[in-house]
């Protein structure tokens, strides 16, 4: 009801005299909205194919595909909705902006104080990457569990050397009657615990995949308390120390916010198991790389897998590149040929909902940054 009432215009273009009362019922308010020309500004401009899809979804709203900043500055003055990169200058020029759609899921680079305080609604692109990022996480887990990152490096030099016992060779004359050193250095995933920090859509998908491997699951999140059929007890952030102490794999899937920036520093890392593996697919700024490097050097944790770093790209002379118990991928966990189509469908659905007077599916809390 609140969102629909916000659709009411202060001036109806067909009468040019009557003002809209916030006391009118929803039906009258929406009927009055139909006689006001709404406008959506796109900046930077999108390609012709996407533009046609957007125009179709936005009917009867006018769509302006701004080709330069000057046009964007002019058109945003009387626009109702905006998609693209909003700046403080553009926001300051707007007079009736009610909805902004971010082109990204992360918002640390998108938000600024004036936007946070502005009454407009903000939506993001969350939910596009959950499955593919979860696949990437499990790839990291399997590498460490089965020492694949070590064997790939050995392959480059033609070295046959099982981790745990370099002299080990399979003996097919008798069965495996004893647990050998090589057995102990290759994990059985159903004996392992995986904990997720930030059980949003990506974190929940990581837990679903880990459940399929029979792993024990843990999670902490400021809001989520369960994942039906997967994890019935997602703890509050106060339970993070317990998760760190009990998990063989700690997966960071949280967004960057003022509260999570530099969250993982030396004291927190020391709470992990000495054999624990830290995996970061959230945001690079959540982990202090200097502290992580020192913790790895001191043997305080077992290893790390990083798809995100701060800074990015990771400098070529950074010691993390050459550590044998570290895997670095260049921010590609979300890479997939499916993402572009999902991105467009999310935008189109949110546009349709705006035209209908409904809140976007991916509405965010600007104060919380997610």
Protein backbone atom coordinates (compact mmCIF):
# COMPACT_ATOMS: atom_id res chain seq x y z
CA UNK A 1 0.00 0.00 0.00
CA UNK A 2 2.77 2.44 0.95
CA UNK A 3 4.61 1.88 -2.32
CA UNK A 4 1.44 2.29 -4.38
CA UNK A 5 0.60 5.54 -2.64
CA UNK A 6 4.08 6.82 -3.43
CA UNK A 7 3.19 6.45 -7.12
CA UNK A 8 0.79 9.34 -6.78
CA UNK A 9 1.90 12.46 -8.71
CA UNK A 10 1.69 16.00 -7.38
CA UNK A 11 0.51 17.18 -10.78
CA UNK A 12 -1.64 15.40 -13.35
CA UNK A 13 -0.66 16.22 -16.89
CA UNK A 14 -4.21 15.89 -18.18
CA UNK A 15 -5.64 18.49 -15.82
CA UNK A 16 -2.52 20.55 -15.01
CA UNK A 17 -4.32 21.98 -12.02
CA UNK A 18 -5.54 19.39 -9.59
CA UNK A 19 -3.16 18.00 -6.99
CA UNK A 20 -3.13 14.46 -5.76
CA UNK A 21 -4.11 13.78 -2.17
CA UNK A 22 -2.24 11.17 -0.17
CA UNK A 23 -5.62 10.33 1.40
CA UNK A 24 -7.13 9.02 -1.84
CA UNK A 25 -7.62 5.28 -2.04
CA UNK A 26 -5.20 3.04 -3.89
CA UNK A 27 -7.44 2.59 -6.93
CA UNK A 28 -7.89 6.32 -7.47
CA UNK A 29 -4.18 6.93 -6.90
CA UNK A 30 -3.15 4.35 -9.47
CA UNK A 31 -5.76 5.62 -11.92
CA UNK A 32 -4.33 9.12 -11.56
CA UNK A 33 -0.84 7.70 -12.13
CA UNK A 34 -1.91 6.42 -15.54
CA UNK A 35 -2.51 9.97 -16.71
CA UNK A 36 1.02 10.99 -15.74
CA UNK A 37 3.87 10.14 -18.08
CA UNK A 38 6.48 8.20 -16.15
CA UNK A 39 10.06 8.03 -17.33
CA UNK A 40 13.00 5.67 -16.98
CA UNK A 41 16.54 6.84 -17.71
CA UNK A 42 19.29 4.39 -18.67
CA UNK A 43 22.88 5.54 -18.26
CA UNK A 44 25.30 4.44 -19.55
CA UNK A 45 23.34 3.54 -22.66
CA UNK A 46 22.50 -0.09 -23.42
CA UNK A 47 22.67 -1.88 -26.78
CA UNK A 48 19.72 -1.88 -29.17
CA UNK A 49 18.61 -5.44 -28.42
CA UNK A 50 18.45 -4.86 -24.67
CA UNK A 51 16.84 -1.48 -25.20
CA UNK A 52 13.98 -3.02 -27.16
CA UNK A 53 13.32 -5.54 -24.37
CA UNK A 54 13.41 -2.78 -21.76
CA UNK A 55 11.04 -0.55 -23.74
CA UNK A 56 8.56 -3.39 -24.07
CA UNK A 57 8.64 -4.16 -20.34
CA UNK A 58 8.38 -0.48 -19.41
CA UNK A 59 5.20 0.35 -21.37
CA UNK A 60 3.62 2.88 -21.06
CA UNK A 61 6.66 4.46 -19.40
CA UNK A 62 9.04 6.53 -21.55
CA UNK A 63 12.56 5.09 -21.76
CA UNK A 64 15.54 7.39 -22.32
CA UNK A 65 18.75 5.65 -23.37
CA UNK A 66 21.19 8.41 -22.44
CA UNK A 67 24.27 8.32 -24.66
CA UNK A 68 26.34 10.83 -22.68
CA UNK A 69 26.52 12.47 -19.27
CA UNK A 70 25.06 15.74 -20.51
CA UNK A 71 21.91 13.98 -21.71
CA UNK A 72 21.70 12.01 -18.46
CA UNK A 73 21.95 15.21 -16.43
CA UNK A 74 19.13 16.78 -18.41
CA UNK A 75 16.81 13.79 -18.47
CA UNK A 76 17.17 12.82 -14.80
CA UNK A 77 15.54 16.06 -13.68
CA UNK A 78 12.03 14.69 -14.22
CA UNK A 79 12.63 10.96 -14.28
CA UNK A 80 10.87 8.48 -12.02
CA UNK A 81 13.31 5.60 -12.38
CA UNK A 82 16.97 5.13 -13.15
CA UNK A 83 19.14 2.18 -14.21
CA UNK A 84 22.91 2.40 -14.38
CA UNK A 85 25.63 4.29 -12.55
CA UNK A 86 24.07 6.95 -10.37
CA UNK A 87 26.40 9.71 -9.14
CA UNK A 88 25.90 12.42 -6.50
CA UNK A 89 25.67 14.99 -9.29
CA UNK A 90 22.91 13.10 -11.10
CA UNK A 91 20.97 12.48 -7.90
CA UNK A 92 21.17 16.15 -6.95
CA UNK A 93 19.55 17.10 -10.27
CA UNK A 94 16.63 14.69 -9.88
CA UNK A 95 13.32 16.10 -8.68
CA UNK A 96 11.00 13.10 -8.57
CA UNK A 97 13.24 10.02 -8.60
CA UNK A 98 11.53 7.10 -6.85
CA UNK A 99 13.43 3.99 -7.86
CA UNK A 100 17.05 3.19 -8.73
CA UNK A 101 18.22 -0.16 -10.09
CA UNK A 102 21.90 -0.93 -9.56
CA UNK A 103 23.54 -2.92 -12.37
CA UNK A 104 25.51 -4.94 -9.79
CA UNK A 105 24.80 -7.10 -6.76
CA UNK A 106 27.46 -5.46 -4.61
CA UNK A 107 26.77 -1.93 -3.44
CA UNK A 108 29.94 -0.73 -1.70
CA UNK A 109 31.00 1.07 -4.90
CA UNK A 110 27.46 2.28 -5.70
CA UNK A 111 26.19 3.82 -2.47
CA UNK A 112 27.03 7.32 -1.27
CA UNK A 113 25.59 9.31 1.66
CA UNK A 114 23.07 11.32 -0.36
CA UNK A 115 21.65 8.18 -1.96
CA UNK A 116 21.37 6.41 1.38
CA UNK A 117 19.34 9.29 2.78
CA UNK A 118 17.25 9.86 -0.36
CA UNK A 119 13.67 8.48 -0.18
CA UNK A 120 13.99 6.56 -3.45
CA UNK A 121 13.94 2.78 -3.41
CA UNK A 122 17.10 0.92 -4.43
CA UNK A 123 17.33 -2.58 -5.83
CA UNK A 124 20.37 -4.61 -6.84
CA UNK A 125 21.22 -7.67 -8.94
CA UNK A 126 21.50 -10.29 -6.22
CA UNK A 127 20.61 -13.87 -7.00
CA UNK A 128 22.25 -14.04 -10.41
CA UNK A 129 25.40 -15.86 -9.36
CA UNK A 130 24.41 -18.16 -6.49
CA UNK A 131 24.82 -21.50 -8.22
CA UNK A 132 27.99 -20.72 -10.17
CA UNK A 133 29.76 -19.13 -7.19
CA UNK A 134 28.78 -22.14 -5.08
CA UNK A 135 30.30 -24.38 -7.76
CA UNK A 136 33.52 -22.36 -7.53
CA UNK A 137 33.58 -22.74 -3.76
CA UNK A 138 33.20 -26.50 -3.97
CA UNK A 139 35.99 -26.53 -6.54
CA UNK A 140 38.22 -24.89 -3.92
CA UNK A 141 37.07 -27.38 -1.29
CA UNK A 142 37.79 -30.37 -3.53
CA UNK A 143 41.22 -29.02 -4.41
CA UNK A 144 42.26 -28.82 -0.77
CA UNK A 145 40.52 -32.04 0.27
CA UNK A 146 42.21 -34.06 -2.48
CA UNK A 147 45.43 -32.00 -2.81
CA UNK A 148 44.63 -31.22 -6.43
CA UNK A 149 46.33 -27.81 -6.25
CA UNK A 150 49.55 -29.56 -5.25
CA UNK A 151 49.30 -32.25 -7.90
CA UNK A 152 48.65 -29.71 -10.64
CA UNK A 153 51.87 -27.94 -9.71
CA UNK A 154 53.77 -31.21 -9.60
CA UNK A 155 52.42 -32.14 -13.02
CA UNK A 156 54.26 -29.18 -14.54
CA UNK A 157 57.57 -30.83 -13.61
CA UNK A 158 56.55 -34.44 -14.21
CA UNK A 159 56.77 -35.24 -10.51
CA UNK A 160 54.95 -38.33 -9.14
CA UNK A 161 54.85 -37.67 -5.42
CA UNK A 162 51.79 -38.56 -3.31
CA UNK A 163 51.15 -36.07 -0.52
CA UNK A 164 51.89 -37.69 2.82
CA UNK A 165 54.31 -40.34 1.57
CA UNK A 166 56.50 -39.62 -1.44
CA UNK A 167 57.51 -43.27 -1.71
CA UNK A 168 53.95 -44.57 -1.66
CA UNK A 169 52.90 -46.84 -4.51
CA UNK A 170 49.66 -48.78 -4.69
CA UNK A 171 50.09 -52.45 -3.80
CA UNK A 172 47.45 -54.47 -5.62
CA UNK A 173 48.51 -57.80 -4.10
CA UNK A 174 46.53 -57.16 -0.92
CA UNK A 175 43.76 -54.86 0.23
CA UNK A 176 44.22 -51.62 2.19
CA UNK A 177 44.61 -53.15 5.63
CA UNK A 178 46.01 -50.08 7.36
CA UNK A 179 45.55 -46.33 7.24
CA UNK A 180 48.66 -44.97 5.55
CA UNK A 181 50.17 -41.45 5.76
CA UNK A 182 48.84 -40.73 2.28
CA UNK A 183 45.34 -41.65 3.43
CA UNK A 184 45.57 -39.16 6.28
CA UNK A 185 46.49 -36.29 3.95
CA UNK A 186 43.48 -36.81 1.69
CA UNK A 187 40.23 -35.79 3.34
CA UNK A 188 36.94 -37.64 3.35
CA UNK A 189 34.51 -34.75 2.88
CA UNK A 190 31.73 -36.34 4.93
CA UNK A 191 34.12 -36.15 7.89
CA UNK A 192 34.57 -32.39 7.40
CA UNK A 193 32.64 -29.34 8.59
CA UNK A 194 31.95 -26.37 6.34
CA UNK A 195 30.89 -23.04 7.82
CA UNK A 196 29.49 -20.11 5.86
CA UNK A 197 29.79 -16.50 6.96
CA UNK A 198 26.86 -14.69 5.32
CA UNK A 199 24.01 -17.06 4.53
CA UNK A 200 22.40 -15.05 1.77
CA UNK A 201 21.53 -16.55 -1.59
CA UNK A 202 25.14 -17.48 -2.40
CA UNK A 203 25.90 -18.76 1.10
CA UNK A 204 22.74 -20.85 1.13
CA UNK A 205 23.66 -22.41 -2.23
CA UNK A 206 27.14 -23.24 -0.94
CA UNK A 207 25.56 -25.06 1.98
CA UNK A 208 23.22 -26.98 -0.33
CA UNK A 209 26.14 -28.24 -2.37
CA UNK A 210 28.18 -29.07 0.71
CA UNK A 211 25.22 -31.03 2.06
CA UNK A 212 25.30 -33.19 -1.07
CA UNK A 213 28.86 -34.20 -0.12
CA UNK A 214 27.68 -35.21 3.35
CA UNK A 215 29.56 -32.41 5.10
CA UNK A 216 28.54 -31.09 8.50
CA UNK A 217 27.14 -27.59 8.01
CA UNK A 218 27.31 -24.36 9.99
CA UNK A 219 26.36 -20.79 9.20
CA UNK A 220 26.11 -17.33 10.72
CA UNK A 221 24.12 -14.39 9.40
CA UNK A 222 22.61 -11.19 10.84
CA UNK A 223 19.14 -12.08 9.55
CA UNK A 224 18.78 -15.63 8.18
CA UNK A 225 17.98 -18.27 10.77
CA UNK A 226 17.44 -21.42 8.72
CA UNK A 227 17.64 -22.93 5.26
CA UNK A 228 14.67 -25.28 4.91
CA UNK A 229 15.77 -28.84 4.36
CA UNK A 230 19.45 -27.97 4.65
CA UNK A 231 20.34 -26.17 7.89
CA UNK A 232 17.85 -25.54 10.66
CA UNK A 233 20.11 -23.46 12.86
CA UNK A 234 21.84 -20.48 11.28
CA UNK A 235 23.41 -18.57 14.14
CA UNK A 236 23.70 -14.83 14.73
CA UNK A 237 27.05 -13.14 14.13
CA UNK A 238 27.86 -13.61 17.81
CA UNK A 239 28.31 -17.30 17.00
CA UNK A 240 31.12 -16.60 14.52
CA UNK A 241 33.90 -17.68 16.94
CA UNK A 242 32.19 -21.06 17.39
CA UNK A 243 31.90 -21.49 13.62
CA UNK A 244 35.59 -20.69 13.14
CA UNK A 245 36.72 -23.11 15.83
CA UNK A 246 34.63 -25.99 14.50
CA UNK A 247 34.91 -25.63 10.70
CA UNK A 248 37.45 -27.29 8.43
CA UNK A 249 36.41 -24.88 5.68
CA UNK A 250 35.31 -21.31 6.41
CA UNK A 251 33.54 -19.70 3.44
CA UNK A 252 33.07 -15.93 3.36
CA UNK A 253 29.97 -15.16 1.27
CA UNK A 254 29.06 -11.88 2.96
CA UNK A 255 28.71 -8.48 1.27
CA UNK A 256 31.07 -5.64 2.05
CA UNK A 257 29.52 -3.29 4.58
CA UNK A 258 30.98 -0.98 7.22
CA UNK A 259 30.64 -3.90 9.66
CA UNK A 260 32.37 -6.53 7.49
CA UNK A 261 35.24 -4.42 6.14
CA UNK A 262 38.51 -5.86 7.55
CA UNK A 263 36.47 -8.27 9.67
CA UNK A 264 38.98 -11.06 9.16
CA UNK A 265 42.15 -9.89 10.84
CA UNK A 266 44.74 -11.82 12.84
CA UNK A 267 42.68 -12.29 16.04
CA UNK A 268 39.78 -13.80 14.11
CA UNK A 269 42.04 -15.95 11.95
CA UNK A 270 43.64 -17.38 15.08
CA UNK A 271 40.23 -18.69 16.13
CA UNK A 272 40.23 -21.05 13.14
CA UNK A 273 41.49 -24.60 13.25
CA UNK A 274 45.20 -24.82 12.56
CA UNK A 275 44.28 -27.03 9.62
CA UNK A 276 41.33 -24.86 8.57
CA UNK A 277 40.99 -23.42 5.07
CA UNK A 278 39.68 -19.88 4.55
CA UNK A 279 37.71 -19.34 1.32
CA UNK A 280 36.68 -15.84 0.27
CA UNK A 281 34.14 -15.33 -2.52
CA UNK A 282 32.48 -12.36 -0.82
CA UNK A 283 34.49 -9.17 -1.06
CA UNK A 284 38.24 -8.70 -0.88
CA UNK A 285 38.04 -5.94 1.71
CA UNK A 286 36.55 -8.35 4.26
CA UNK A 287 39.95 -10.05 4.70
CA UNK A 288 43.07 -8.14 5.68
CA UNK A 289 45.62 -9.68 3.29
CA UNK A 290 48.63 -8.71 5.40
CA UNK A 291 47.17 -10.44 8.44
CA UNK A 292 46.18 -13.45 6.32
CA UNK A 293 49.70 -13.73 4.92
CA UNK A 294 51.22 -13.58 8.39
CA UNK A 295 48.78 -16.19 9.70
CA UNK A 296 49.68 -18.52 6.83
CA UNK A 297 53.41 -18.00 7.37
CA UNK A 298 53.02 -18.77 11.07
CA UNK A 299 51.05 -21.93 10.36
CA UNK A 300 48.04 -20.60 12.25
CA UNK A 301 45.66 -21.80 9.53
CA UNK A 302 46.00 -24.53 6.94
CA UNK A 303 45.47 -22.56 3.73
CA UNK A 304 43.39 -20.06 1.82
CA UNK A 305 41.47 -19.85 -1.43
CA UNK A 306 40.77 -16.34 -2.69
CA UNK A 307 38.64 -15.30 -5.62
CA UNK A 308 38.51 -11.72 -4.34
CA UNK A 309 41.32 -9.59 -2.92
CA UNK A 310 41.97 -6.09 -1.74
CA UNK A 311 43.59 -4.68 -3.82
CA UNK A 312 42.59 -6.15 -7.15
CA UNK A 313 44.41 -7.25 -9.19
CA UNK A 314 46.60 -8.87 -6.56
CA UNK A 315 50.09 -7.41 -7.17
CA UNK A 316 52.37 -9.82 -9.03
CA UNK A 317 54.98 -9.64 -6.26
CA UNK A 318 52.52 -10.48 -3.48
CA UNK A 319 53.75 -13.48 -1.45
CA UNK A 320 50.34 -15.15 -1.62
CA UNK A 321 51.02 -16.07 -5.27
CA UNK A 322 53.87 -18.42 -4.35
CA UNK A 323 52.52 -20.01 -1.18
CA UNK A 324 51.86 -23.71 -1.83
CA UNK A 325 48.78 -23.72 0.42
CA UNK A 326 47.07 -20.80 -1.33
CA UNK A 327 44.85 -20.79 -4.43
CA UNK A 328 44.12 -17.46 -6.13
CA UNK A 329 41.59 -17.03 -8.91
CA UNK A 330 41.10 -13.62 -10.60
CA UNK A 331 37.58 -12.71 -9.42
CA UNK A 332 35.93 -15.20 -11.75
CA UNK A 333 33.68 -17.16 -9.37
CA UNK A 334 30.62 -15.50 -10.91
CA UNK A 335 31.71 -16.01 -14.53
CA UNK A 336 29.12 -17.94 -16.53
CA UNK A 337 27.42 -17.69 -19.94
CA UNK A 338 24.09 -17.64 -18.03
CA UNK A 339 24.65 -14.42 -16.09
CA UNK A 340 23.84 -11.90 -18.83
CA UNK A 341 20.40 -13.37 -19.51
CA UNK A 342 19.63 -13.50 -15.78
CA UNK A 343 20.79 -9.90 -15.39
CA UNK A 344 18.40 -8.71 -18.09
CA UNK A 345 15.47 -10.76 -16.76
CA UNK A 346 15.95 -9.31 -13.27
CA UNK A 347 15.97 -5.80 -14.70
CA UNK A 348 12.86 -6.44 -16.82
CA UNK A 349 10.92 -7.96 -13.93
CA UNK A 350 11.76 -5.06 -11.64
CA UNK A 351 10.69 -2.61 -14.35
CA UNK A 352 7.37 -4.43 -14.77
CA UNK A 353 6.83 -4.33 -11.03
CA UNK A 354 7.58 -0.61 -10.91
CA UNK A 355 5.01 0.07 -13.63
CA UNK A 356 2.46 -2.02 -11.71
CA UNK A 357 3.17 -0.13 -8.50
CA UNK A 358 4.92 -3.04 -6.79
CA UNK A 359 8.28 -3.02 -4.98
CA UNK A 360 11.24 -4.62 -6.80
CA UNK A 361 12.06 -8.25 -6.15
CA UNK A 362 15.60 -7.33 -5.17
CA UNK A 363 14.87 -4.39 -2.88
CA UNK A 364 17.80 -3.56 -0.58
CA UNK A 365 18.14 -1.76 2.73
CA UNK A 366 20.36 1.20 1.89
CA UNK A 367 21.32 1.67 5.52
CA UNK A 368 22.67 -1.89 5.69
CA UNK A 369 24.27 -1.87 2.19
CA UNK A 370 22.44 -5.08 1.16
